[in-house]
mmCIF file of all heavy atoms, coordinates in Angstrom:
data_MODEL
# 
_entry.id   MODEL 
# 
loop_
_atom_site.group_PDB 
_atom_site.id 
_atom_site.type_symbol 
_atom_site.label_atom_id 
_atom_site.label_alt_id 
_atom_site.label_comp_id 
_atom_site.label_asym_id 
_atom_site.label_entity_id 
_atom_site.label_seq_id 
_atom_site.pdbx_PDB_ins_code 
_atom_site.Cartn_x 
_atom_site.Cartn_y 
_atom_site.Cartn_z 
_atom_site.occupancy 
_atom_site.B_iso_or_equiv 
_atom_site.pdbx_formal_charge 
_atom_site.auth_seq_id 
_atom_site.auth_comp_id 
_atom_site.auth_asym_id 
_atom_site.auth_atom_id 
_atom_site.pdbx_PDB_model_num 
ATOM 1   N N   . TYR A 1 1  ? -47.575 173.346 -206.112 1.00 0.00 ? 1  TYR A N   1 
ATOM 2   C CA  . TYR A 1 1  ? -47.131 173.953 -204.891 1.00 0.00 ? 1  TYR A CA  1 
ATOM 3   C C   . TYR A 1 1  ? -47.804 173.296 -203.671 1.00 0.00 ? 1  TYR A C   1 
ATOM 4   O O   . TYR A 1 1  ? -47.159 173.139 -202.605 1.00 0.00 ? 1  TYR A O   1 
ATOM 5   C CB  . TYR A 1 1  ? -47.392 175.494 -204.919 1.00 0.00 ? 1  TYR A CB  1 
ATOM 6   C CG  . TYR A 1 1  ? -46.359 176.243 -205.723 1.00 0.00 ? 1  TYR A CG  1 
ATOM 7   C CD1 . TYR A 1 1  ? -46.816 176.932 -206.840 1.00 0.00 ? 1  TYR A CD1 1 
ATOM 8   C CD2 . TYR A 1 1  ? -45.057 176.373 -205.272 1.00 0.00 ? 1  TYR A CD2 1 
ATOM 9   C CE1 . TYR A 1 1  ? -45.903 177.648 -207.608 1.00 0.00 ? 1  TYR A CE1 1 
ATOM 10  C CE2 . TYR A 1 1  ? -44.206 177.153 -206.044 1.00 0.00 ? 1  TYR A CE2 1 
ATOM 11  C CZ  . TYR A 1 1  ? -44.587 177.778 -207.152 1.00 0.00 ? 1  TYR A CZ  1 
ATOM 12  O OH  . TYR A 1 1  ? -43.702 178.482 -207.958 1.00 0.00 ? 1  TYR A OH  1 
ATOM 13  N N   . THR A 1 2  ? -49.064 173.009 -203.840 1.00 0.00 ? 2  THR A N   1 
ATOM 14  C CA  . THR A 1 2  ? -49.807 172.393 -202.707 1.00 0.00 ? 2  THR A CA  1 
ATOM 15  C C   . THR A 1 2  ? -49.266 170.999 -202.382 1.00 0.00 ? 2  THR A C   1 
ATOM 16  O O   . THR A 1 2  ? -49.061 170.679 -201.214 1.00 0.00 ? 2  THR A O   1 
ATOM 17  C CB  . THR A 1 2  ? -51.300 172.252 -203.116 1.00 0.00 ? 2  THR A CB  1 
ATOM 18  O OG1 . THR A 1 2  ? -51.842 173.474 -203.385 1.00 0.00 ? 2  THR A OG1 1 
ATOM 19  C CG2 . THR A 1 2  ? -52.080 171.629 -201.996 1.00 0.00 ? 2  THR A CG2 1 
ATOM 20  N N   . LEU A 1 3  ? -48.945 170.233 -203.463 1.00 0.00 ? 3  LEU A N   1 
ATOM 21  C CA  . LEU A 1 3  ? -48.352 168.895 -203.227 1.00 0.00 ? 3  LEU A CA  1 
ATOM 22  C C   . LEU A 1 3  ? -47.023 168.964 -202.556 1.00 0.00 ? 3  LEU A C   1 
ATOM 23  O O   . LEU A 1 3  ? -46.712 168.242 -201.594 1.00 0.00 ? 3  LEU A O   1 
ATOM 24  C CB  . LEU A 1 3  ? -48.231 168.173 -204.516 1.00 0.00 ? 3  LEU A CB  1 
ATOM 25  C CG  . LEU A 1 3  ? -47.772 166.725 -204.588 1.00 0.00 ? 3  LEU A CG  1 
ATOM 26  C CD1 . LEU A 1 3  ? -48.723 165.816 -203.749 1.00 0.00 ? 3  LEU A CD1 1 
ATOM 27  C CD2 . LEU A 1 3  ? -47.665 166.153 -205.974 1.00 0.00 ? 3  LEU A CD2 1 
ATOM 28  N N   . PHE A 1 4  ? -46.222 169.936 -202.956 1.00 0.00 ? 4  PHE A N   1 
ATOM 29  C CA  . PHE A 1 4  ? -44.894 170.137 -202.420 1.00 0.00 ? 4  PHE A CA  1 
ATOM 30  C C   . PHE A 1 4  ? -44.989 170.543 -200.981 1.00 0.00 ? 4  PHE A C   1 
ATOM 31  O O   . PHE A 1 4  ? -44.226 170.099 -200.119 1.00 0.00 ? 4  PHE A O   1 
ATOM 32  C CB  . PHE A 1 4  ? -44.185 171.144 -203.312 1.00 0.00 ? 4  PHE A CB  1 
ATOM 33  C CG  . PHE A 1 4  ? -42.791 171.450 -202.806 1.00 0.00 ? 4  PHE A CG  1 
ATOM 34  C CD1 . PHE A 1 4  ? -41.735 170.554 -202.997 1.00 0.00 ? 4  PHE A CD1 1 
ATOM 35  C CD2 . PHE A 1 4  ? -42.447 172.654 -202.158 1.00 0.00 ? 4  PHE A CD2 1 
ATOM 36  C CE1 . PHE A 1 4  ? -40.460 170.753 -202.553 1.00 0.00 ? 4  PHE A CE1 1 
ATOM 37  C CE2 . PHE A 1 4  ? -41.208 172.898 -201.720 1.00 0.00 ? 4  PHE A CE2 1 
ATOM 38  C CZ  . PHE A 1 4  ? -40.208 171.976 -201.898 1.00 0.00 ? 4  PHE A CZ  1 
ATOM 39  N N   . GLY A 1 5  ? -45.918 171.546 -200.772 1.00 0.00 ? 5  GLY A N   1 
ATOM 40  C CA  . GLY A 1 5  ? -46.095 172.026 -199.378 1.00 0.00 ? 5  GLY A CA  1 
ATOM 41  C C   . GLY A 1 5  ? -46.563 170.944 -198.424 1.00 0.00 ? 5  GLY A C   1 
ATOM 42  O O   . GLY A 1 5  ? -46.206 170.885 -197.252 1.00 0.00 ? 5  GLY A O   1 
ATOM 43  N N   . GLY A 1 6  ? -47.456 170.042 -198.976 1.00 0.00 ? 6  GLY A N   1 
ATOM 44  C CA  . GLY A 1 6  ? -47.935 168.952 -198.155 1.00 0.00 ? 6  GLY A CA  1 
ATOM 45  C C   . GLY A 1 6  ? -46.797 167.983 -197.672 1.00 0.00 ? 6  GLY A C   1 
ATOM 46  O O   . GLY A 1 6  ? -46.808 167.534 -196.528 1.00 0.00 ? 6  GLY A O   1 
ATOM 47  N N   . LEU A 1 7  ? -45.783 167.763 -198.526 1.00 0.00 ? 7  LEU A N   1 
ATOM 48  C CA  . LEU A 1 7  ? -44.651 166.948 -198.174 1.00 0.00 ? 7  LEU A CA  1 
ATOM 49  C C   . LEU A 1 7  ? -43.919 167.583 -196.949 1.00 0.00 ? 7  LEU A C   1 
ATOM 50  O O   . LEU A 1 7  ? -43.647 166.898 -196.062 1.00 0.00 ? 7  LEU A O   1 
ATOM 51  C CB  . LEU A 1 7  ? -43.750 166.763 -199.389 1.00 0.00 ? 7  LEU A CB  1 
ATOM 52  C CG  . LEU A 1 7  ? -42.332 166.304 -199.085 1.00 0.00 ? 7  LEU A CG  1 
ATOM 53  C CD1 . LEU A 1 7  ? -42.373 164.859 -198.581 1.00 0.00 ? 7  LEU A CD1 1 
ATOM 54  C CD2 . LEU A 1 7  ? -41.421 166.446 -200.275 1.00 0.00 ? 7  LEU A CD2 1 
ATOM 55  N N   . LEU A 1 8  ? -43.638 168.846 -197.079 1.00 0.00 ? 8  LEU A N   1 
ATOM 56  C CA  . LEU A 1 8  ? -42.889 169.540 -196.027 1.00 0.00 ? 8  LEU A CA  1 
ATOM 57  C C   . LEU A 1 8  ? -43.730 169.550 -194.727 1.00 0.00 ? 8  LEU A C   1 
ATOM 58  O O   . LEU A 1 8  ? -43.188 169.342 -193.623 1.00 0.00 ? 8  LEU A O   1 
ATOM 59  C CB  . LEU A 1 8  ? -42.543 170.968 -196.415 1.00 0.00 ? 8  LEU A CB  1 
ATOM 60  C CG  . LEU A 1 8  ? -41.670 171.115 -197.657 1.00 0.00 ? 8  LEU A CG  1 
ATOM 61  C CD1 . LEU A 1 8  ? -41.336 172.636 -197.892 1.00 0.00 ? 8  LEU A CD1 1 
ATOM 62  C CD2 . LEU A 1 8  ? -40.394 170.341 -197.490 1.00 0.00 ? 8  LEU A CD2 1 
ATOM 63  N N   . GLY A 1 9  ? -45.075 169.748 -194.911 1.00 0.00 ? 9  GLY A N   1 
ATOM 64  C CA  . GLY A 1 9  ? -45.922 169.774 -193.677 1.00 0.00 ? 9  GLY A CA  1 
ATOM 65  C C   . GLY A 1 9  ? -45.929 168.395 -193.013 1.00 0.00 ? 9  GLY A C   1 
ATOM 66  O O   . GLY A 1 9  ? -45.910 168.347 -191.744 1.00 0.00 ? 9  GLY A O   1 
ATOM 67  N N   . VAL A 1 10 ? -46.084 167.330 -193.769 1.00 0.00 ? 10 VAL A N   1 
ATOM 68  C CA  . VAL A 1 10 ? -46.149 165.981 -193.134 1.00 0.00 ? 10 VAL A CA  1 
ATOM 69  C C   . VAL A 1 10 ? -44.796 165.656 -192.464 1.00 0.00 ? 10 VAL A C   1 
ATOM 70  O O   . VAL A 1 10 ? -44.783 165.142 -191.318 1.00 0.00 ? 10 VAL A O   1 
ATOM 71  C CB  . VAL A 1 10 ? -46.400 164.917 -194.242 1.00 0.00 ? 10 VAL A CB  1 
ATOM 72  C CG1 . VAL A 1 10 ? -46.111 163.501 -193.706 1.00 0.00 ? 10 VAL A CG1 1 
ATOM 73  C CG2 . VAL A 1 10 ? -47.805 165.018 -194.803 1.00 0.00 ? 10 VAL A CG2 1 
ATOM 74  N N   . SER A 1 11 ? -43.664 166.085 -193.066 1.00 0.00 ? 11 SER A N   1 
ATOM 75  C CA  . SER A 1 11 ? -42.374 165.872 -192.380 1.00 0.00 ? 11 SER A CA  1 
ATOM 76  C C   . SER A 1 11 ? -42.289 166.571 -191.092 1.00 0.00 ? 11 SER A C   1 
ATOM 77  O O   . SER A 1 11 ? -41.819 166.045 -190.102 1.00 0.00 ? 11 SER A O   1 
ATOM 78  C CB  . SER A 1 11 ? -41.285 166.299 -193.364 1.00 0.00 ? 11 SER A CB  1 
ATOM 79  O OG  . SER A 1 11 ? -41.294 165.596 -194.541 1.00 0.00 ? 11 SER A OG  1 
ATOM 80  N N   . LEU A 1 12 ? -42.797 167.816 -191.047 1.00 0.00 ? 12 LEU A N   1 
ATOM 81  C CA  . LEU A 1 12 ? -42.744 168.561 -189.784 1.00 0.00 ? 12 LEU A CA  1 
ATOM 82  C C   . LEU A 1 12 ? -43.624 168.002 -188.731 1.00 0.00 ? 12 LEU A C   1 
ATOM 83  O O   . LEU A 1 12 ? -43.299 167.865 -187.542 1.00 0.00 ? 12 LEU A O   1 
ATOM 84  C CB  . LEU A 1 12 ? -43.191 170.039 -190.057 1.00 0.00 ? 12 LEU A CB  1 
ATOM 85  C CG  . LEU A 1 12 ? -42.124 170.929 -190.629 1.00 0.00 ? 12 LEU A CG  1 
ATOM 86  C CD1 . LEU A 1 12 ? -42.737 172.315 -191.015 1.00 0.00 ? 12 LEU A CD1 1 
ATOM 87  C CD2 . LEU A 1 12 ? -40.957 171.124 -189.648 1.00 0.00 ? 12 LEU A CD2 1 
ATOM 88  N N   . LEU A 1 13 ? -44.838 167.508 -189.156 1.00 0.00 ? 13 LEU A N   1 
ATOM 89  C CA  . LEU A 1 13 ? -45.770 166.876 -188.166 1.00 0.00 ? 13 LEU A CA  1 
ATOM 90  C C   . LEU A 1 13 ? -45.204 165.633 -187.568 1.00 0.00 ? 13 LEU A C   1 
ATOM 91  O O   . LEU A 1 13 ? -45.433 165.376 -186.366 1.00 0.00 ? 13 LEU A O   1 
ATOM 92  C CB  . LEU A 1 13 ? -47.104 166.598 -188.890 1.00 0.00 ? 13 LEU A CB  1 
ATOM 93  C CG  . LEU A 1 13 ? -47.996 167.777 -189.273 1.00 0.00 ? 13 LEU A CG  1 
ATOM 94  C CD1 . LEU A 1 13 ? -49.177 167.357 -190.048 1.00 0.00 ? 13 LEU A CD1 1 
ATOM 95  C CD2 . LEU A 1 13 ? -48.371 168.522 -187.908 1.00 0.00 ? 13 LEU A CD2 1 
ATOM 96  N N   . ILE A 1 14 ? -44.496 164.861 -188.368 1.00 0.00 ? 14 ILE A N   1 
ATOM 97  C CA  . ILE A 1 14 ? -43.832 163.663 -187.788 1.00 0.00 ? 14 ILE A CA  1 
ATOM 98  C C   . ILE A 1 14 ? -42.833 164.002 -186.726 1.00 0.00 ? 14 ILE A C   1 
ATOM 99  O O   . ILE A 1 14 ? -42.741 163.433 -185.681 1.00 0.00 ? 14 ILE A O   1 
ATOM 100 C CB  . ILE A 1 14 ? -43.195 162.794 -188.902 1.00 0.00 ? 14 ILE A CB  1 
ATOM 101 C CG1 . ILE A 1 14 ? -44.270 162.198 -189.798 1.00 0.00 ? 14 ILE A CG1 1 
ATOM 102 C CG2 . ILE A 1 14 ? -42.368 161.671 -188.341 1.00 0.00 ? 14 ILE A CG2 1 
ATOM 103 C CD1 . ILE A 1 14 ? -43.791 161.436 -190.994 1.00 0.00 ? 14 ILE A CD1 1 
ATOM 104 N N   . GLY A 1 15 ? -41.937 164.975 -187.038 1.00 0.00 ? 15 GLY A N   1 
ATOM 105 C CA  . GLY A 1 15 ? -41.003 165.463 -186.082 1.00 0.00 ? 15 GLY A CA  1 
ATOM 106 C C   . GLY A 1 15 ? -41.606 165.967 -184.784 1.00 0.00 ? 15 GLY A C   1 
ATOM 107 O O   . GLY A 1 15 ? -41.187 165.626 -183.693 1.00 0.00 ? 15 GLY A O   1 
ATOM 108 N N   . ILE A 1 16 ? -42.763 166.741 -184.956 1.00 0.00 ? 16 ILE A N   1 
ATOM 109 C CA  . ILE A 1 16 ? -43.430 167.271 -183.804 1.00 0.00 ? 16 ILE A CA  1 
ATOM 110 C C   . ILE A 1 16 ? -44.010 166.094 -182.960 1.00 0.00 ? 16 ILE A C   1 
ATOM 111 O O   . ILE A 1 16 ? -43.961 166.140 -181.725 1.00 0.00 ? 16 ILE A O   1 
ATOM 112 C CB  . ILE A 1 16 ? -44.505 168.247 -184.236 1.00 0.00 ? 16 ILE A CB  1 
ATOM 113 C CG1 . ILE A 1 16 ? -43.834 169.512 -184.835 1.00 0.00 ? 16 ILE A CG1 1 
ATOM 114 C CG2 . ILE A 1 16 ? -45.417 168.635 -183.016 1.00 0.00 ? 16 ILE A CG2 1 
ATOM 115 C CD1 . ILE A 1 16 ? -44.814 170.437 -185.480 1.00 0.00 ? 16 ILE A CD1 1 
ATOM 116 N N   . TYR A 1 17 ? -44.577 165.129 -183.630 1.00 0.00 ? 17 TYR A N   1 
ATOM 117 C CA  . TYR A 1 17 ? -45.223 164.005 -182.951 1.00 0.00 ? 17 TYR A CA  1 
ATOM 118 C C   . TYR A 1 17 ? -44.212 163.279 -182.062 1.00 0.00 ? 17 TYR A C   1 
ATOM 119 O O   . TYR A 1 17 ? -44.375 163.032 -180.869 1.00 0.00 ? 17 TYR A O   1 
ATOM 120 C CB  . TYR A 1 17 ? -45.829 163.029 -183.929 1.00 0.00 ? 17 TYR A CB  1 
ATOM 121 C CG  . TYR A 1 17 ? -46.311 161.720 -183.282 1.00 0.00 ? 17 TYR A CG  1 
ATOM 122 C CD1 . TYR A 1 17 ? -47.491 161.727 -182.598 1.00 0.00 ? 17 TYR A CD1 1 
ATOM 123 C CD2 . TYR A 1 17 ? -45.548 160.604 -183.340 1.00 0.00 ? 17 TYR A CD2 1 
ATOM 124 C CE1 . TYR A 1 17 ? -47.949 160.539 -182.004 1.00 0.00 ? 17 TYR A CE1 1 
ATOM 125 C CE2 . TYR A 1 17 ? -45.931 159.386 -182.746 1.00 0.00 ? 17 TYR A CE2 1 
ATOM 126 C CZ  . TYR A 1 17 ? -47.138 159.379 -182.071 1.00 0.00 ? 17 TYR A CZ  1 
ATOM 127 O OH  . TYR A 1 17 ? -47.602 158.258 -181.477 1.00 0.00 ? 17 TYR A OH  1 
ATOM 128 N N   . PHE A 1 18 ? -43.068 162.893 -182.709 1.00 0.00 ? 18 PHE A N   1 
ATOM 129 C CA  . PHE A 1 18 ? -42.082 162.150 -181.917 1.00 0.00 ? 18 PHE A CA  1 
ATOM 130 C C   . PHE A 1 18 ? -41.359 162.996 -180.909 1.00 0.00 ? 18 PHE A C   1 
ATOM 131 O O   . PHE A 1 18 ? -40.899 162.565 -179.872 1.00 0.00 ? 18 PHE A O   1 
ATOM 132 C CB  . PHE A 1 18 ? -41.020 161.483 -182.874 1.00 0.00 ? 18 PHE A CB  1 
ATOM 133 C CG  . PHE A 1 18 ? -41.538 160.285 -183.614 1.00 0.00 ? 18 PHE A CG  1 
ATOM 134 C CD1 . PHE A 1 18 ? -41.778 160.302 -184.948 1.00 0.00 ? 18 PHE A CD1 1 
ATOM 135 C CD2 . PHE A 1 18 ? -41.711 159.122 -182.872 1.00 0.00 ? 18 PHE A CD2 1 
ATOM 136 C CE1 . PHE A 1 18 ? -42.291 159.197 -185.591 1.00 0.00 ? 18 PHE A CE1 1 
ATOM 137 C CE2 . PHE A 1 18 ? -42.170 157.949 -183.525 1.00 0.00 ? 18 PHE A CE2 1 
ATOM 138 C CZ  . PHE A 1 18 ? -42.433 157.996 -184.874 1.00 0.00 ? 18 PHE A CZ  1 
ATOM 139 N N   . GLY A 1 19 ? -41.360 164.318 -181.202 1.00 0.00 ? 19 GLY A N   1 
ATOM 140 C CA  . GLY A 1 19 ? -40.763 165.218 -180.232 1.00 0.00 ? 19 GLY A CA  1 
ATOM 141 C C   . GLY A 1 19 ? -41.578 165.316 -178.908 1.00 0.00 ? 19 GLY A C   1 
ATOM 142 O O   . GLY A 1 19 ? -41.007 165.483 -177.810 1.00 0.00 ? 19 GLY A O   1 
ATOM 143 N N   . PHE A 1 20 ? -42.940 165.276 -179.068 1.00 0.00 ? 20 PHE A N   1 
ATOM 144 C CA  . PHE A 1 20 ? -43.779 165.552 -177.906 1.00 0.00 ? 20 PHE A CA  1 
ATOM 145 C C   . PHE A 1 20 ? -44.322 164.197 -177.339 1.00 0.00 ? 20 PHE A C   1 
ATOM 146 O O   . PHE A 1 20 ? -44.650 164.168 -176.171 1.00 0.00 ? 20 PHE A O   1 
ATOM 147 C CB  . PHE A 1 20 ? -44.929 166.450 -178.279 1.00 0.00 ? 20 PHE A CB  1 
ATOM 148 C CG  . PHE A 1 20 ? -44.566 167.865 -178.385 1.00 0.00 ? 20 PHE A CG  1 
ATOM 149 C CD1 . PHE A 1 20 ? -44.260 168.473 -179.643 1.00 0.00 ? 20 PHE A CD1 1 
ATOM 150 C CD2 . PHE A 1 20 ? -44.355 168.644 -177.238 1.00 0.00 ? 20 PHE A CD2 1 
ATOM 151 C CE1 . PHE A 1 20 ? -43.899 169.796 -179.752 1.00 0.00 ? 20 PHE A CE1 1 
ATOM 152 C CE2 . PHE A 1 20 ? -43.984 169.983 -177.331 1.00 0.00 ? 20 PHE A CE2 1 
ATOM 153 C CZ  . PHE A 1 20 ? -43.802 170.579 -178.563 1.00 0.00 ? 20 PHE A CZ  1 
ATOM 154 N N   . PHE A 1 21 ? -44.515 163.208 -178.198 1.00 0.00 ? 21 PHE A N   1 
ATOM 155 C CA  . PHE A 1 21 ? -45.206 161.989 -177.727 1.00 0.00 ? 21 PHE A CA  1 
ATOM 156 C C   . PHE A 1 21 ? -44.298 160.775 -177.653 1.00 0.00 ? 21 PHE A C   1 
ATOM 157 O O   . PHE A 1 21 ? -44.778 159.688 -177.348 1.00 0.00 ? 21 PHE A O   1 
ATOM 158 C CB  . PHE A 1 21 ? -46.435 161.683 -178.594 1.00 0.00 ? 21 PHE A CB  1 
ATOM 159 C CG  . PHE A 1 21 ? -47.464 162.773 -178.611 1.00 0.00 ? 21 PHE A CG  1 
ATOM 160 C CD1 . PHE A 1 21 ? -47.509 163.707 -179.642 1.00 0.00 ? 21 PHE A CD1 1 
ATOM 161 C CD2 . PHE A 1 21 ? -48.297 163.020 -177.532 1.00 0.00 ? 21 PHE A CD2 1 
ATOM 162 C CE1 . PHE A 1 21 ? -48.455 164.682 -179.715 1.00 0.00 ? 21 PHE A CE1 1 
ATOM 163 C CE2 . PHE A 1 21 ? -49.216 164.011 -177.500 1.00 0.00 ? 21 PHE A CE2 1 
ATOM 164 C CZ  . PHE A 1 21 ? -49.286 164.848 -178.582 1.00 0.00 ? 21 PHE A CZ  1 
ATOM 165 N N   . SER A 1 22 ? -43.069 160.905 -177.914 1.00 0.00 ? 22 SER A N   1 
ATOM 166 C CA  . SER A 1 22 ? -42.136 159.795 -177.842 1.00 0.00 ? 22 SER A CA  1 
ATOM 167 C C   . SER A 1 22 ? -40.876 160.264 -177.039 1.00 0.00 ? 22 SER A C   1 
ATOM 168 O O   . SER A 1 22 ? -40.397 161.413 -177.306 1.00 0.00 ? 22 SER A O   1 
ATOM 169 C CB  . SER A 1 22 ? -41.644 159.333 -179.237 1.00 0.00 ? 22 SER A CB  1 
ATOM 170 O OG  . SER A 1 22 ? -40.683 158.339 -179.068 1.00 0.00 ? 22 SER A OG  1 
ATOM 171 N N   . LYS A 1 23 ? -40.454 159.490 -176.084 1.00 0.00 ? 23 LYS A N   1 
ATOM 172 C CA  . LYS A 1 23 ? -39.364 159.891 -175.240 1.00 0.00 ? 23 LYS A CA  1 
ATOM 173 C C   . LYS A 1 23 ? -38.077 160.135 -176.009 1.00 0.00 ? 23 LYS A C   1 
ATOM 174 O O   . LYS A 1 23 ? -37.578 159.267 -176.764 1.00 0.00 ? 23 LYS A O   1 
ATOM 175 C CB  . LYS A 1 23 ? -39.147 158.857 -174.178 1.00 0.00 ? 23 LYS A CB  1 
ATOM 176 C CG  . LYS A 1 23 ? -38.098 159.164 -173.150 1.00 0.00 ? 23 LYS A CG  1 
ATOM 177 C CD  . LYS A 1 23 ? -38.022 158.079 -172.032 1.00 0.00 ? 23 LYS A CD  1 
ATOM 178 C CE  . LYS A 1 23 ? -37.642 156.716 -172.528 1.00 0.00 ? 23 LYS A CE  1 
ATOM 179 N NZ  . LYS A 1 23 ? -37.536 155.770 -171.562 1.00 0.00 ? 23 LYS A NZ  1 
ATOM 180 N N   . GLN A 1 24 ? -37.564 161.370 -175.904 1.00 0.00 ? 24 GLN A N   1 
ATOM 181 C CA  . GLN A 1 24 ? -36.309 161.694 -176.615 1.00 0.00 ? 24 GLN A CA  1 
ATOM 182 C C   . GLN A 1 24 ? -35.331 162.399 -175.587 1.00 0.00 ? 24 GLN A C   1 
ATOM 183 O O   . GLN A 1 24 ? -34.604 163.350 -175.933 1.00 0.00 ? 24 GLN A O   1 
ATOM 184 C CB  . GLN A 1 24 ? -36.591 162.754 -177.698 1.00 0.00 ? 24 GLN A CB  1 
ATOM 185 C CG  . GLN A 1 24 ? -37.523 162.218 -178.775 1.00 0.00 ? 24 GLN A CG  1 
ATOM 186 C CD  . GLN A 1 24 ? -36.898 161.131 -179.621 1.00 0.00 ? 24 GLN A CD  1 
ATOM 187 O OE1 . GLN A 1 24 ? -35.689 161.103 -179.811 1.00 0.00 ? 24 GLN A OE1 1 
ATOM 188 N NE2 . GLN A 1 24 ? -37.743 160.210 -180.145 1.00 0.00 ? 24 GLN A NE2 1 
ATOM 189 N N   . ASP A 1 25 ? -35.268 161.778 -174.382 1.00 0.00 ? 25 ASP A N   1 
ATOM 190 C CA  . ASP A 1 25 ? -34.529 162.420 -173.280 1.00 0.00 ? 25 ASP A CA  1 
ATOM 191 C C   . ASP A 1 25 ? -33.286 161.674 -172.915 1.00 0.00 ? 25 ASP A C   1 
ATOM 192 O O   . ASP A 1 25 ? -32.722 161.823 -171.860 1.00 0.00 ? 25 ASP A O   1 
ATOM 193 C CB  . ASP A 1 25 ? -35.368 162.544 -172.009 1.00 0.00 ? 25 ASP A CB  1 
ATOM 194 C CG  . ASP A 1 25 ? -35.971 161.168 -171.559 1.00 0.00 ? 25 ASP A CG  1 
ATOM 195 O OD1 . ASP A 1 25 ? -35.707 160.177 -172.240 1.00 0.00 ? 25 ASP A OD1 1 
ATOM 196 O OD2 . ASP A 1 25 ? -36.678 161.175 -170.581 1.00 0.00 ? 25 ASP A OD2 1 
ATOM 197 N N   . SER A 1 26 ? -32.765 160.884 -173.869 1.00 0.00 ? 26 SER A N   1 
ATOM 198 C CA  . SER A 1 26 ? -31.489 160.212 -173.624 1.00 0.00 ? 26 SER A CA  1 
ATOM 199 C C   . SER A 1 26 ? -30.755 160.016 -174.940 1.00 0.00 ? 26 SER A C   1 
ATOM 200 O O   . SER A 1 26 ? -31.390 160.043 -176.004 1.00 0.00 ? 26 SER A O   1 
ATOM 201 C CB  . SER A 1 26 ? -31.677 158.868 -172.969 1.00 0.00 ? 26 SER A CB  1 
ATOM 202 O OG  . SER A 1 26 ? -32.287 157.926 -173.806 1.00 0.00 ? 26 SER A OG  1 
ATOM 203 N N   . ALA A 1 27 ? -29.449 159.796 -174.864 1.00 0.00 ? 27 ALA A N   1 
ATOM 204 C CA  . ALA A 1 27 ? -28.664 159.609 -176.115 1.00 0.00 ? 27 ALA A CA  1 
ATOM 205 C C   . ALA A 1 27 ? -29.113 158.338 -176.866 1.00 0.00 ? 27 ALA A C   1 
ATOM 206 O O   . ALA A 1 27 ? -29.215 158.313 -178.082 1.00 0.00 ? 27 ALA A O   1 
ATOM 207 C CB  . ALA A 1 27 ? -27.170 159.507 -175.734 1.00 0.00 ? 27 ALA A CB  1 
ATOM 208 N N   . ALA A 1 28 ? -29.372 157.251 -176.095 1.00 0.00 ? 28 ALA A N   1 
ATOM 209 C CA  . ALA A 1 28 ? -29.761 155.977 -176.732 1.00 0.00 ? 28 ALA A CA  1 
ATOM 210 C C   . ALA A 1 28 ? -31.095 156.142 -177.388 1.00 0.00 ? 28 ALA A C   1 
ATOM 211 O O   . ALA A 1 28 ? -31.319 155.560 -178.506 1.00 0.00 ? 28 ALA A O   1 
ATOM 212 C CB  . ALA A 1 28 ? -29.854 154.844 -175.616 1.00 0.00 ? 28 ALA A CB  1 
# 
C-alpha cells in the first residue's frame, strides 16, 4: 500500500509543481 500510495503522491506533486512553477496560462 505504501509503494502504491507513493506512486499516486509523486504524480500529484509533479502536477502541482508544473501548475505553480511553470507557465500554464495559454493554449500553446
